[in-house]
Structure formats: structure tokens, C-alpha cells
Amino acid sequence: MTANDKKTWSGRFIEPVTELVKRYTASVEFDKRLAPFDIRASLAHAQMLGACGIITAQDLDDIRRGLAQVELEIINNKFTWSLDLEDVHLNIEKRLTALVGDAGKRLHTGRSRNDQVATDMRLYLRDAIDELHKLILDLQSAVINLAGQHAHTIMPGYTHLQVAQPVSFAHHLMAYFEMLNRDAERMIDCRKRVNYLPLGSAALAGTSYPIKREMVAELLGFDDVCHNSLDAVSDRDFAIEFTACAALIMTHLSRLSEELILWMNPRFGFLDIADRFCTGSSIMPQKKNPDVPELVRGKTGRVNGNLVALLTLMKGQPLAYNKDNQEDKEPLFDTVDTLTQTLRIYTDMIGGITVHPMAMRSAALQGYSTATDLADYLVKKGLPFRDAHEVVSVAVRFAEQRGCDLSDLELYELQKFSTLITDDVFSVLTLEGSLASRNHIGGTSPQQVEIAIAQARKRLTAPRWS
């Protein structure tokens, strides 16, 4: 091993690591995506070292010049990544030193790879959250646009996947808008805890150099510094919290995917997903398979797995930093990538849905979806609800035996079940009457749904970041 090939820590050891160990412990193949953030943090750190008189003005100028060259090489894919140098940090430092000499070696004064990687991760995740937040808003906008066309489109609402009560398709869609709204709020809240600076905590105990951590925090746009050096280098709560938020988003989209898959089935026939999101069968020429929503269901398990991996990674670690934490990056990166792709494709897919209102209406006429309306009608006539429930249960059984809907029964037939029933009953047994009667905040009446959609549009344009 030549002097140039030696590890930064090799003076302590009498033999090099084996090739197998080198490959097993190296992270550069996946952590090199942190390079822009590593350079950004290094520039701020160097500026602080210069301001504090820890390095000279000439060193600072050399570091800035060298890092600009390194960044340009990485952007243009001319940077040579070395497995021997283990990770993104040492690769950049080695190249910087080759470009500017001893000034490059002085950059690491007052910091450790432990606080360096924690800082890079937070910078990376902060940018990812900003992008993902925008993508959530885009998807919410697509949901609103589709809902805005269907406030009067009636479909069956389900419990236990059995016909329960009629709702509007817009009302159903707006339930997912609300889920996504909570998702967006969680991202904003998560970002607050991501945005603390670990740099300056060094390996675990801080540093003896007269540094100004608050200056670095301000340069990098952090809200504050981490206030305990042990916690700063070992904390991965921010990654776990983000992945939990991501898992919830994927879970919401998985639920919608399951409904899209069902609704596209000819037994439902409620809608069609555009061809560009589907595939055919290698043997059955008639097939149109909803591959995208099916994959969203599958990838939800993947993100859930990443969350469990991060929780398991941290559960047995003593303070402070441990090599285990190298395993935090791949689950986090994969979660960001998966969620980003899913949100983008889902927004496009929602915009390409064709709705079949008559199929929805036909389904809503099955399963006695207005039975509750008849019970409410009797309550308003003075019958206790439990008695009304019993009366309608018997009426439904009678209609079922006749093979017809409650609204198809003659008035005299309905009056056999209760003398309180008069000819005004038929207005509440219609699908339109059922929807219109639920005219309150959060209800499914077209009037309330249109109000909810208008309010949702305003919410999307309101500033979110506090």
C-alpha cells in the first residue's frame, strides 16, 4: 500500500482491510448522491473557520476554488469515485486536497464524518421534503379538478364493501383530498425537526476549536443548531419520522389504488384508467390490466418495509455514532425515490380517468342504499329511531323478496309497515333526495360538496410554510 492509497485512519493499523471488508463497509456507491450537500456544508464550514481565524484567508480561497472544481467535475460526470475512499466525504476531500494541497486537509478542522454525514442527510432530506410537498399539492389539485366535474354524479357509498348509502363521486374523491392535506401538513411539520444543524458536534463531544455553529446554521438555512453533541451525531429520528410520513402517504394512495382497481373491473364499470397507465396480457387479448395502481399497492409495502428497517436499525444502538448508521441511507433514499415517482405518476393518472356516471348510478340503486333515509323519515314523523330501524328492516326484507327497490313499492305496501308513511315518502327514497338531505358541513349534498371543493382550492393557494 502506497502513501497515497492509505486510509485517513490507517496509521493506527498494521494491516489493510481485506477486499471483502472494503466492499462490505464502503458506502460510496449509494451515498455519492449526497455530494452536492456535502459541498454546500463544507463551504459553509470553511467560511466559518475563516471568520473564526482557524484557517487563513488564503486557505479559504483555495478551498472555495477547489470545491467549485470538484462540483463541476461531479456535475459533468468527470469525477472519479473510489471504493478505497469508502464514502462521499473522503472522495471529495481527497480530490480537493489533490487540487489545492494542504488547504484541503485543513477543511476537516473542527468536524468529523459523524456530524458531517448527519448534516448532509438533513440538507438532502430538507430539499426532498420541499419537492415532495409540491408534488402532494399537485396531486390534490388533480383530485379537486376531477371532483369538480362530479358533484352531482351519484355512486354507492360502502361499508364492509357492501352498499351502504348513496354519495356523490366528488364527495368520495374529496375524502382523499383530506388525507393528502394531512400528509402535506405532516411533511411541513417533519421539516421543522429536520432543519437543525449537527455540524460542529464533531465525533461526539464537540470540538476544542473556537467555532461559531450559529453562523454555519444561518449560512445553510437551518432554524437552529442541535443542542447536544451526542444526540446530534447519533440521531436519526428525522429520517424515521419522514419515512413514517411517506408510509402514510403511500398507504392513502394504496387505498385509492384498490378502489380504482375495483371500479375499473367490469363488475363495477365505474371508470376507465387511461391506456398509458395499463398493460395487456401476453395470452388474453381482451385484457387491460391496471398496472400502475397495482404497483402502488406493492410499493407501499416497500416503503413500509423501509420504515421498519430504520426503526430496527436504531433500536439497539448505544450513544453515540455507530457504523450501523451507514444503513440509514438506502432505505431513506429509496423512500424518497419511490414516493416522488408515485406522486408524479398518480397526478397524471388521476387526470386521465374517464368516469361512467350511469354505471355508478345503477350500482347505487342496488342494495337498498336509501333504507336509512326511510328510517330517518319515520323518526321525523315521531317514531323512535330503534323502532324505525326495525320497521325499515322488515320493509327491506319484503322488497328483497319482491325483487325490487324500496322506491318501487306502492304507497299502500309501504303503509303496511307504518301508518306514519304518506305520499311524501318517495321524495326521500330517491338517490337525489338522499344526497340533498345531507346538507351540512362534511355532508354529501351537492351544495356542500361544491362548497368543500371551493374551500379546498383556496387551501391549496394559501401559504403553508410557517
Protein backbone atom coordinates (compact mmCIF):
# COMPACT_ATOMS: atom_id res chain seq x y z
CA MET A 1 0.00 0.00 0.00
CA THR A 2 1.47 3.33 -1.05
CA ALA A 3 1.23 6.50 0.96
CA ASN A 4 -1.37 7.86 -1.47
CA ASP A 5 -3.53 4.76 -1.07
CA LYS A 6 -3.62 4.83 2.71
CA LYS A 7 -6.87 5.40 4.58
CA THR A 8 -7.19 8.62 6.53
CA TRP A 9 -7.10 6.50 9.68
CA SER A 10 -4.55 3.86 8.55
CA GLY A 11 -1.71 4.96 10.84
CA ARG A 12 -3.38 3.09 13.71
CA PHE A 13 -3.33 -0.29 11.90
CA ILE A 14 -0.59 -2.73 10.93
CA GLU A 15 -2.51 -4.35 8.08
CA PRO A 16 -5.03 -3.13 5.50
CA VAL A 17 -8.62 -4.32 5.39
CA THR A 18 -9.34 -7.18 3.03
CA GLU A 19 -11.01 -6.60 -0.31
CA LEU A 20 -14.18 -8.21 1.00
CA VAL A 21 -14.29 -5.95 4.06
CA LYS A 22 -13.58 -2.92 1.90
CA ARG A 23 -16.55 -3.67 -0.31
CA TYR A 24 -18.76 -4.62 2.62
CA THR A 25 -18.11 -1.41 4.54
CA ALA A 26 -17.96 1.09 1.68
CA SER A 27 -20.97 3.34 1.09
CA VAL A 28 -19.82 5.47 -1.83
CA GLU A 29 -21.96 3.60 -4.36
CA PHE A 30 -25.12 4.97 -2.76
CA ASP A 31 -24.07 7.95 -0.63
CA LYS A 32 -22.48 9.80 -3.55
CA ARG A 33 -25.90 11.35 -4.15
CA LEU A 34 -25.09 13.44 -1.07
CA ALA A 35 -22.21 15.12 -2.91
CA PRO A 36 -23.97 18.48 -3.61
CA PHE A 37 -24.99 18.72 0.03
CA ASP A 38 -21.55 17.72 1.27
CA ILE A 39 -20.01 20.50 -0.81
CA ARG A 40 -22.61 23.01 0.35
CA ALA A 41 -21.97 22.17 4.00
CA SER A 42 -18.20 22.20 3.52
CA LEU A 43 -18.31 25.68 2.00
CA ALA A 44 -20.28 26.99 4.98
CA HIS A 45 -17.94 25.22 7.42
CA ALA A 46 -14.88 26.69 5.68
CA GLN A 47 -16.38 30.17 5.73
CA MET A 48 -16.94 29.84 9.47
CA LEU A 49 -13.39 28.55 10.04
CA GLY A 50 -12.08 31.55 8.15
CA ALA A 51 -14.26 34.00 10.08
CA CYS A 52 -13.06 32.50 13.36
CA GLY A 53 -9.40 32.72 12.32
CA ILE A 54 -8.99 28.95 12.43
CA ILE A 55 -7.85 28.83 8.81
CA THR A 56 -6.27 31.63 6.78
CA ALA A 57 -7.99 33.70 4.14
CA GLN A 58 -5.76 32.02 1.55
CA ASP A 59 -6.85 28.58 2.72
CA LEU A 60 -10.47 29.66 2.46
CA ASP A 61 -9.99 30.95 -1.08
CA ASP A 62 -8.23 27.72 -2.06
CA ILE A 63 -10.99 25.57 -0.53
CA ARG A 64 -13.69 27.53 -2.36
CA ARG A 65 -11.81 27.26 -5.65
CA GLY A 66 -11.16 23.57 -5.19
CA LEU A 67 -14.72 22.69 -4.18
CA ALA A 68 -16.06 24.60 -7.18
CA GLN A 69 -13.85 22.43 -9.40
CA VAL A 70 -14.94 19.25 -7.62
CA GLU A 71 -18.61 20.21 -8.00
CA LEU A 72 -18.12 20.91 -11.70
CA GLU A 73 -16.47 17.52 -12.21
CA ILE A 74 -19.33 15.75 -10.44
CA ILE A 75 -21.98 17.61 -12.45
CA ASN A 76 -20.20 16.75 -15.72
CA ASN A 77 -19.68 13.10 -14.69
CA LYS A 78 -15.90 13.55 -14.80
CA PHE A 79 -15.33 12.82 -11.13
CA THR A 80 -13.64 9.52 -10.33
CA TRP A 81 -15.28 7.77 -7.39
CA SER A 82 -13.02 5.42 -5.47
CA LEU A 83 -14.20 2.47 -3.40
CA ASP A 84 -10.91 2.66 -1.49
CA LEU A 85 -12.01 6.02 -0.10
CA GLU A 86 -15.13 4.46 1.43
CA ASP A 87 -17.66 7.27 1.18
CA VAL A 88 -18.67 10.51 -0.48
CA HIS A 89 -16.91 12.63 2.14
CA LEU A 90 -13.45 11.14 1.77
CA ASN A 91 -13.75 11.03 -2.02
CA ILE A 92 -14.43 14.76 -2.14
CA GLU A 93 -11.78 15.57 0.45
CA LYS A 94 -9.16 13.52 -1.40
CA ARG A 95 -9.87 15.26 -4.70
CA LEU A 96 -9.93 18.66 -3.01
CA THR A 97 -6.53 18.01 -1.46
CA ALA A 98 -5.16 16.93 -4.83
CA LEU A 99 -6.36 20.23 -6.29
CA VAL A 100 -5.38 22.70 -3.54
CA GLY A 101 -2.90 20.91 -1.31
CA ASP A 102 -2.77 21.44 2.46
CA ALA A 103 -5.77 23.77 2.44
CA GLY A 104 -7.89 20.76 1.54
CA LYS A 105 -6.56 18.90 4.56
CA ARG A 106 -7.43 21.83 6.82
CA LEU A 107 -11.10 21.79 5.79
CA HIS A 108 -11.82 18.94 8.20
CA THR A 109 -10.70 21.01 11.20
CA GLY A 110 -13.38 21.11 13.89
CA ARG A 111 -15.63 18.46 12.38
CA SER A 112 -15.94 14.69 11.98
CA ARG A 113 -17.51 12.48 9.39
CA ASN A 114 -20.11 11.79 12.09
CA ASP A 115 -21.50 15.31 12.19
CA GLN A 116 -20.68 15.81 8.51
CA VAL A 117 -22.90 12.98 7.29
CA ALA A 118 -25.70 13.92 9.69
CA THR A 119 -25.62 17.43 8.22
CA ASP A 120 -25.58 16.18 4.63
CA MET A 121 -28.53 13.91 5.31
CA ARG A 122 -30.57 16.75 6.78
CA LEU A 123 -29.75 19.04 3.86
CA TYR A 124 -30.71 16.30 1.40
CA LEU A 125 -33.95 15.47 3.18
CA ARG A 126 -34.94 19.10 3.57
CA ASP A 127 -34.73 19.58 -0.21
CA ALA A 128 -36.58 16.31 -0.79
CA ILE A 129 -39.40 17.37 1.54
CA ASP A 130 -39.75 20.69 -0.28
CA GLU A 131 -40.11 18.88 -3.61
CA LEU A 132 -42.47 16.23 -2.23
CA HIS A 133 -44.67 18.88 -0.65
CA LYS A 134 -45.13 20.48 -4.08
CA LEU A 135 -45.96 17.10 -5.59
CA ILE A 136 -48.62 16.46 -2.93
CA LEU A 137 -50.22 19.80 -3.78
CA ASP A 138 -50.16 18.90 -7.48
CA LEU A 139 -51.97 15.65 -6.73
CA GLN A 140 -54.50 17.44 -4.56
CA SER A 141 -55.15 19.83 -7.42
CA ALA A 142 -55.76 16.90 -9.79
CA VAL A 143 -58.20 15.37 -7.30
CA ILE A 144 -60.06 18.66 -6.98
CA ASN A 145 -60.27 19.05 -10.76
CA LEU A 146 -61.83 15.61 -11.15
CA ALA A 147 -64.15 16.12 -8.19
CA GLY A 148 -65.29 19.45 -9.60
CA GLN A 149 -66.88 17.63 -12.53
CA HIS A 150 -68.84 15.16 -10.40
CA ALA A 151 -70.63 16.88 -7.51
CA HIS A 152 -73.92 15.54 -8.95
CA THR A 153 -72.59 12.12 -10.01
CA ILE A 154 -74.18 9.58 -7.67
CA MET A 155 -72.44 6.38 -6.62
CA PRO A 156 -72.93 3.92 -3.79
CA GLY A 157 -71.00 4.59 -0.62
CA TYR A 158 -69.77 1.39 1.01
CA THR A 159 -69.08 -0.03 4.42
CA HIS A 160 -67.70 -3.57 4.61
CA LEU A 161 -67.61 -3.23 0.79
CA GLN A 162 -71.42 -3.56 0.87
CA VAL A 163 -73.76 -0.88 -0.47
CA ALA A 164 -74.47 1.48 2.42
CA GLN A 165 -75.77 4.91 1.36
CA PRO A 166 -75.60 6.98 -1.81
CA VAL A 167 -72.86 9.60 -2.04
CA SER A 168 -71.52 11.77 -4.83
CA PHE A 169 -68.39 10.68 -6.61
CA ALA A 170 -66.93 14.11 -5.84
CA HIS A 171 -67.57 13.59 -2.14
CA HIS A 172 -65.74 10.26 -2.30
CA LEU A 173 -62.77 11.85 -4.08
CA MET A 174 -62.63 14.71 -1.60
CA ALA A 175 -62.04 12.20 1.18
CA TYR A 176 -58.66 11.56 -0.45
CA PHE A 177 -58.06 15.30 -0.73
CA GLU A 178 -58.40 15.47 3.07
CA MET A 179 -55.98 12.56 3.53
CA LEU A 180 -53.46 14.27 1.27
CA ASN A 181 -53.98 17.52 3.15
CA ARG A 182 -52.95 15.82 6.37
CA ASP A 183 -49.99 14.33 4.51
CA ALA A 184 -48.90 17.78 3.36
CA GLU A 185 -49.21 19.13 6.91
CA ARG A 186 -47.16 16.23 8.27
CA MET A 187 -44.41 16.99 5.75
CA ILE A 188 -44.33 20.61 6.86
CA ASP A 189 -44.17 19.57 10.50
CA CYS A 190 -41.50 16.94 9.83
CA ARG A 191 -39.37 19.52 8.05
CA LYS A 192 -39.20 21.61 11.22
CA ARG A 193 -37.40 18.81 13.05
CA VAL A 194 -35.15 18.05 10.08
CA ASN A 195 -33.96 21.64 9.99
CA TYR A 196 -31.44 21.56 12.86
CA LEU A 197 -27.69 21.68 12.28
CA PRO A 198 -25.48 18.86 13.67
CA LEU A 199 -22.23 20.26 12.23
CA GLY A 200 -19.80 21.35 14.90
CA SER A 201 -20.65 18.43 17.16
CA ALA A 202 -17.59 16.69 15.68
CA ALA A 203 -17.25 12.99 16.53
CA LEU A 204 -19.46 13.08 19.64
CA ALA A 205 -18.20 15.59 22.21
CA GLY A 206 -17.90 18.82 20.25
CA THR A 207 -14.60 20.44 19.40
CA SER A 208 -11.91 22.45 21.20
CA TYR A 209 -11.68 24.97 18.35
CA PRO A 210 -13.45 28.34 18.84
CA ILE A 211 -16.15 27.69 16.22
CA LYS A 212 -19.43 29.52 15.61
CA ARG A 213 -22.08 26.92 14.90
CA GLU A 214 -24.83 29.52 14.69
CA MET A 215 -23.03 31.11 11.75
CA VAL A 216 -22.99 27.82 9.83
CA ALA A 217 -26.66 27.27 10.65
CA GLU A 218 -27.54 30.67 9.22
CA LEU A 219 -25.42 30.13 6.10
CA LEU A 220 -27.14 26.79 5.42
CA GLY A 221 -30.65 27.96 6.26
CA PHE A 222 -31.12 25.86 9.40
CA ASP A 223 -33.51 27.12 12.05
CA ASP A 224 -31.14 26.26 14.89
CA VAL A 225 -28.25 24.01 15.90
CA CYS A 226 -28.62 20.64 17.59
CA HIS A 227 -28.07 21.35 21.29
CA ASN A 228 -26.40 18.12 22.39
CA SER A 229 -23.38 16.82 20.54
CA LEU A 230 -24.02 13.17 21.43
CA ASP A 231 -27.59 13.36 20.15
CA ALA A 232 -26.62 15.40 17.10
CA VAL A 233 -24.32 12.75 15.59
CA SER A 234 -26.42 9.72 16.51
CA ASP A 235 -29.96 10.99 15.94
CA ARG A 236 -31.87 9.54 13.01
CA ASP A 237 -35.33 10.43 14.28
CA PHE A 238 -35.71 12.84 11.39
CA ALA A 239 -35.23 10.03 8.85
CA ILE A 240 -37.62 7.73 10.70
CA GLU A 241 -40.25 10.44 11.04
CA PHE A 242 -40.01 11.30 7.36
CA THR A 243 -40.31 7.66 6.34
CA ALA A 244 -43.36 7.30 8.60
CA CYS A 245 -44.93 10.28 6.85
CA ALA A 246 -44.08 8.74 3.49
CA ALA A 247 -45.56 5.39 4.53
CA LEU A 248 -48.83 7.13 5.40
CA ILE A 249 -48.94 8.86 2.02
CA MET A 250 -48.31 5.57 0.26
CA THR A 251 -50.98 3.90 2.40
CA HIS A 252 -53.52 6.54 1.34
CA LEU A 253 -52.61 6.08 -2.32
CA SER A 254 -52.74 2.32 -1.90
CA ARG A 255 -56.32 2.58 -0.63
CA LEU A 256 -57.31 4.72 -3.59
CA SER A 257 -55.47 2.31 -5.90
CA GLU A 258 -57.51 -0.59 -4.54
CA GLU A 259 -60.70 1.32 -5.31
CA LEU A 260 -59.56 2.26 -8.81
CA ILE A 261 -58.76 -1.38 -9.50
CA LEU A 262 -62.20 -2.46 -8.29
CA TRP A 263 -64.04 0.32 -10.10
CA MET A 264 -62.28 -0.49 -13.38
CA ASN A 265 -63.42 -4.11 -13.13
CA PRO A 266 -66.39 -4.76 -15.49
CA ARG A 267 -68.46 -5.93 -12.50
CA PHE A 268 -68.32 -2.31 -11.35
CA GLY A 269 -67.55 -0.43 -14.55
CA PHE A 270 -67.46 2.90 -12.72
CA LEU A 271 -64.47 4.29 -14.62
CA ASP A 272 -61.62 3.67 -17.02
CA ILE A 273 -57.96 4.40 -16.42
CA ALA A 274 -56.16 5.79 -19.47
CA ASP A 275 -54.31 3.23 -21.56
CA ARG A 276 -50.92 4.77 -20.79
CA PHE A 277 -51.19 3.52 -17.21
CA CYS A 278 -52.23 -0.03 -18.14
CA THR A 279 -50.82 -3.07 -19.88
CA GLY A 280 -52.23 -6.06 -21.73
CA SER A 281 -51.87 -9.78 -21.32
CA SER A 282 -49.39 -11.97 -23.16
CA ILE A 283 -52.10 -14.57 -23.75
CA MET A 284 -55.52 -12.92 -23.28
CA PRO A 285 -56.01 -10.24 -25.94
CA GLN A 286 -59.00 -8.61 -24.25
CA LYS A 287 -57.17 -7.75 -21.02
CA LYS A 288 -56.46 -4.22 -19.81
CA ASN A 289 -54.58 -4.50 -16.56
CA PRO A 290 -54.34 -1.54 -14.12
CA ASP A 291 -50.61 -1.97 -13.59
CA VAL A 292 -49.87 1.44 -12.09
CA PRO A 293 -52.36 1.27 -9.20
CA GLU A 294 -51.36 -2.35 -8.60
CA LEU A 295 -47.71 -1.32 -8.36
CA VAL A 296 -48.62 1.50 -6.00
CA ARG A 297 -50.15 -1.13 -3.70
CA GLY A 298 -46.97 -3.16 -3.97
CA LYS A 299 -44.58 -0.25 -3.48
CA THR A 300 -46.50 0.73 -0.35
CA GLY A 301 -45.19 -2.45 1.24
CA ARG A 302 -41.72 -1.44 0.15
CA VAL A 303 -41.93 1.95 1.88
CA ASN A 304 -43.48 0.37 4.97
CA GLY A 305 -40.52 -2.00 4.97
CA ASN A 306 -38.10 0.92 4.84
CA LEU A 307 -39.76 2.38 7.93
CA VAL A 308 -39.40 -0.89 9.81
CA ALA A 309 -35.78 -1.16 8.65
CA LEU A 310 -34.93 2.28 10.06
CA LEU A 311 -36.72 1.62 13.34
CA THR A 312 -34.93 -1.70 13.70
CA LEU A 313 -31.61 -0.09 12.77
CA MET A 314 -31.83 2.32 15.69
CA LYS A 315 -33.48 0.23 18.39
CA GLY A 316 -30.32 -1.29 19.88
CA GLN A 317 -27.72 1.42 19.37
CA PRO A 318 -25.92 2.94 22.34
CA LEU A 319 -24.77 6.56 22.12
CA ALA A 320 -23.18 7.95 20.09
CA TYR A 321 -22.43 7.22 16.43
CA ASN A 322 -22.15 3.58 15.28
CA LYS A 323 -21.33 2.09 11.88
CA ASP A 324 -24.87 0.70 11.84
CA ASN A 325 -25.98 4.18 10.79
CA GLN A 326 -24.42 3.69 7.38
CA GLU A 327 -27.52 1.55 6.74
CA ASP A 328 -29.85 4.54 7.13
CA LYS A 329 -29.24 5.90 3.65
CA GLU A 330 -30.53 3.24 1.29
CA PRO A 331 -33.98 2.95 2.96
CA LEU A 332 -34.26 6.74 3.10
CA PHE A 333 -33.12 7.27 -0.50
CA ASP A 334 -35.42 4.51 -1.72
CA THR A 335 -38.36 6.03 0.14
CA VAL A 336 -37.74 9.46 -1.39
CA ASP A 337 -37.39 7.97 -4.88
CA THR A 338 -40.43 5.74 -4.58
CA LEU A 339 -42.68 8.44 -3.18
CA THR A 340 -41.51 11.02 -5.72
CA GLN A 341 -42.21 8.73 -8.66
CA THR A 342 -45.55 7.63 -7.22
CA LEU A 343 -46.85 11.15 -6.65
CA ARG A 344 -45.84 12.25 -10.14
CA ILE A 345 -47.43 9.33 -11.91
CA TYR A 346 -50.55 9.42 -9.74
CA THR A 347 -51.22 13.07 -10.59
CA ASP A 348 -51.06 12.24 -14.27
CA MET A 349 -53.21 9.13 -13.81
CA ILE A 350 -55.98 11.00 -11.96
CA GLY A 351 -56.11 13.47 -14.85
CA GLY A 352 -56.63 10.59 -17.29
CA ILE A 353 -59.63 8.93 -15.62
CA THR A 354 -62.89 8.55 -17.57
CA VAL A 355 -65.95 8.30 -15.32
CA HIS A 356 -69.13 6.32 -16.17
CA PRO A 357 -71.90 8.05 -14.21
CA MET A 358 -74.71 5.71 -15.30
CA ALA A 359 -72.84 2.65 -14.05
CA MET A 360 -72.34 4.38 -10.70
CA ARG A 361 -75.99 5.36 -10.52
CA SER A 362 -77.13 1.85 -11.41
CA ALA A 363 -74.99 0.43 -8.61
CA ALA A 364 -76.38 2.98 -6.15
CA LEU A 365 -79.90 1.73 -6.93
CA GLN A 366 -78.91 -1.72 -5.74
CA GLY A 367 -78.60 -2.82 -2.15
CA TYR A 368 -81.34 -0.57 -0.72
CA SER A 369 -79.00 2.37 -0.26
CA THR A 370 -81.85 4.70 0.78
CA ALA A 371 -83.05 2.48 3.63
CA THR A 372 -81.52 4.80 6.21
CA ASP A 373 -83.37 7.70 4.61
CA LEU A 374 -86.66 5.88 5.17
CA ALA A 375 -85.72 5.31 8.82
CA ASP A 376 -84.86 9.00 9.22
CA TYR A 377 -88.17 9.89 7.57
CA LEU A 378 -90.07 7.87 10.19
CA VAL A 379 -88.06 9.44 13.02
CA LYS A 380 -89.04 12.87 11.78
CA LYS A 381 -92.65 11.67 11.89
CA GLY A 382 -92.22 10.88 15.59
CA LEU A 383 -91.12 7.23 15.67
CA PRO A 384 -88.12 6.41 17.91
CA PHE A 385 -85.09 5.55 15.81
CA ARG A 386 -84.75 1.98 17.06
CA ASP A 387 -88.39 1.33 16.16
CA ALA A 388 -87.89 2.99 12.78
CA HIS A 389 -84.83 0.81 12.20
CA GLU A 390 -86.92 -2.30 12.81
CA VAL A 391 -89.74 -1.13 10.55
CA VAL A 392 -87.37 -0.45 7.66
CA SER A 393 -85.58 -3.78 8.17
CA VAL A 394 -88.87 -5.58 7.64
CA ALA A 395 -89.69 -3.40 4.63
CA VAL A 396 -86.29 -4.19 3.07
CA ARG A 397 -86.84 -7.91 3.56
CA PHE A 398 -90.23 -7.58 1.86
CA ALA A 399 -88.76 -5.64 -1.08
CA GLU A 400 -85.95 -8.16 -1.36
CA GLN A 401 -88.48 -10.97 -1.63
CA ARG A 402 -90.30 -8.99 -4.32
CA GLY A 403 -87.03 -8.37 -6.16
CA CYS A 404 -87.45 -4.59 -6.22
CA ASP A 405 -86.17 -1.44 -4.55
CA LEU A 406 -87.97 0.33 -1.71
CA SER A 407 -88.83 3.16 -4.08
CA ASP A 408 -90.56 0.66 -6.39
CA LEU A 409 -93.11 -0.35 -3.72
CA GLU A 410 -96.59 1.14 -3.87
CA LEU A 411 -97.67 3.56 -1.15
CA TYR A 412 -100.21 1.11 0.27
CA GLU A 413 -97.47 -1.52 0.50
CA LEU A 414 -95.19 0.79 2.43
CA GLN A 415 -98.05 1.79 4.73
CA LYS A 416 -98.35 -1.85 5.83
CA PHE A 417 -95.10 -1.32 7.74
CA SER A 418 -96.06 2.02 9.31
CA THR A 419 -99.15 4.21 9.20
CA LEU A 420 -96.84 7.23 9.52
CA ILE A 421 -95.84 6.81 5.87
CA THR A 422 -97.59 9.15 3.45
CA ASP A 423 -97.10 10.02 -0.22
CA ASP A 424 -94.22 12.40 0.59
CA VAL A 425 -92.07 9.36 1.33
CA PHE A 426 -90.99 8.93 -2.28
CA SER A 427 -89.04 12.18 -2.24
CA VAL A 428 -86.68 10.71 0.37
CA LEU A 429 -86.37 7.34 -1.34
CA THR A 430 -84.76 8.82 -4.47
CA LEU A 431 -81.00 8.96 -4.79
CA GLU A 432 -81.11 12.72 -5.36
CA GLY A 433 -83.32 13.20 -2.33
CA SER A 434 -80.95 11.16 -0.19
CA LEU A 435 -77.94 13.28 -1.21
CA ALA A 436 -79.77 16.58 -0.90
CA SER A 437 -80.91 15.80 2.64
CA ARG A 438 -77.32 15.64 3.91
CA ASN A 439 -76.83 19.36 3.58
CA HIS A 440 -74.38 20.15 6.37
CA ILE A 441 -70.62 20.69 6.67
CA GLY A 442 -68.93 17.47 5.67
CA GLY A 443 -72.12 16.05 4.13
CA THR A 444 -72.52 14.63 0.64
CA SER A 445 -75.19 17.01 -0.70
CA PRO A 446 -74.05 18.58 -4.00
CA GLN A 447 -74.31 22.02 -2.42
CA GLN A 448 -71.97 21.10 0.43
CA VAL A 449 -69.57 19.25 -1.86
CA GLU A 450 -69.29 22.26 -4.15
CA ILE A 451 -68.57 24.44 -1.11
CA ALA A 452 -65.95 21.95 0.06
CA ILE A 453 -64.28 21.96 -3.38
CA ALA A 454 -64.20 25.77 -3.46
CA GLN A 455 -62.67 25.87 0.02
CA ALA A 456 -60.14 23.22 -0.98
CA ARG A 457 -58.99 25.32 -3.90
CA LYS A 458 -58.38 28.23 -1.52
CA ARG A 459 -56.48 25.96 0.87
CA LEU A 460 -54.16 24.93 -1.92
CA THR A 461 -53.21 28.50 -2.71
CA ALA A 462 -52.73 29.53 0.94
CA PRO A 463 -49.12 29.69 2.21
CA ARG A 464 -48.15 26.51 4.06
CA TRP A 465 -44.66 27.07 5.43
CA SER A 466 -44.60 28.67 8.86
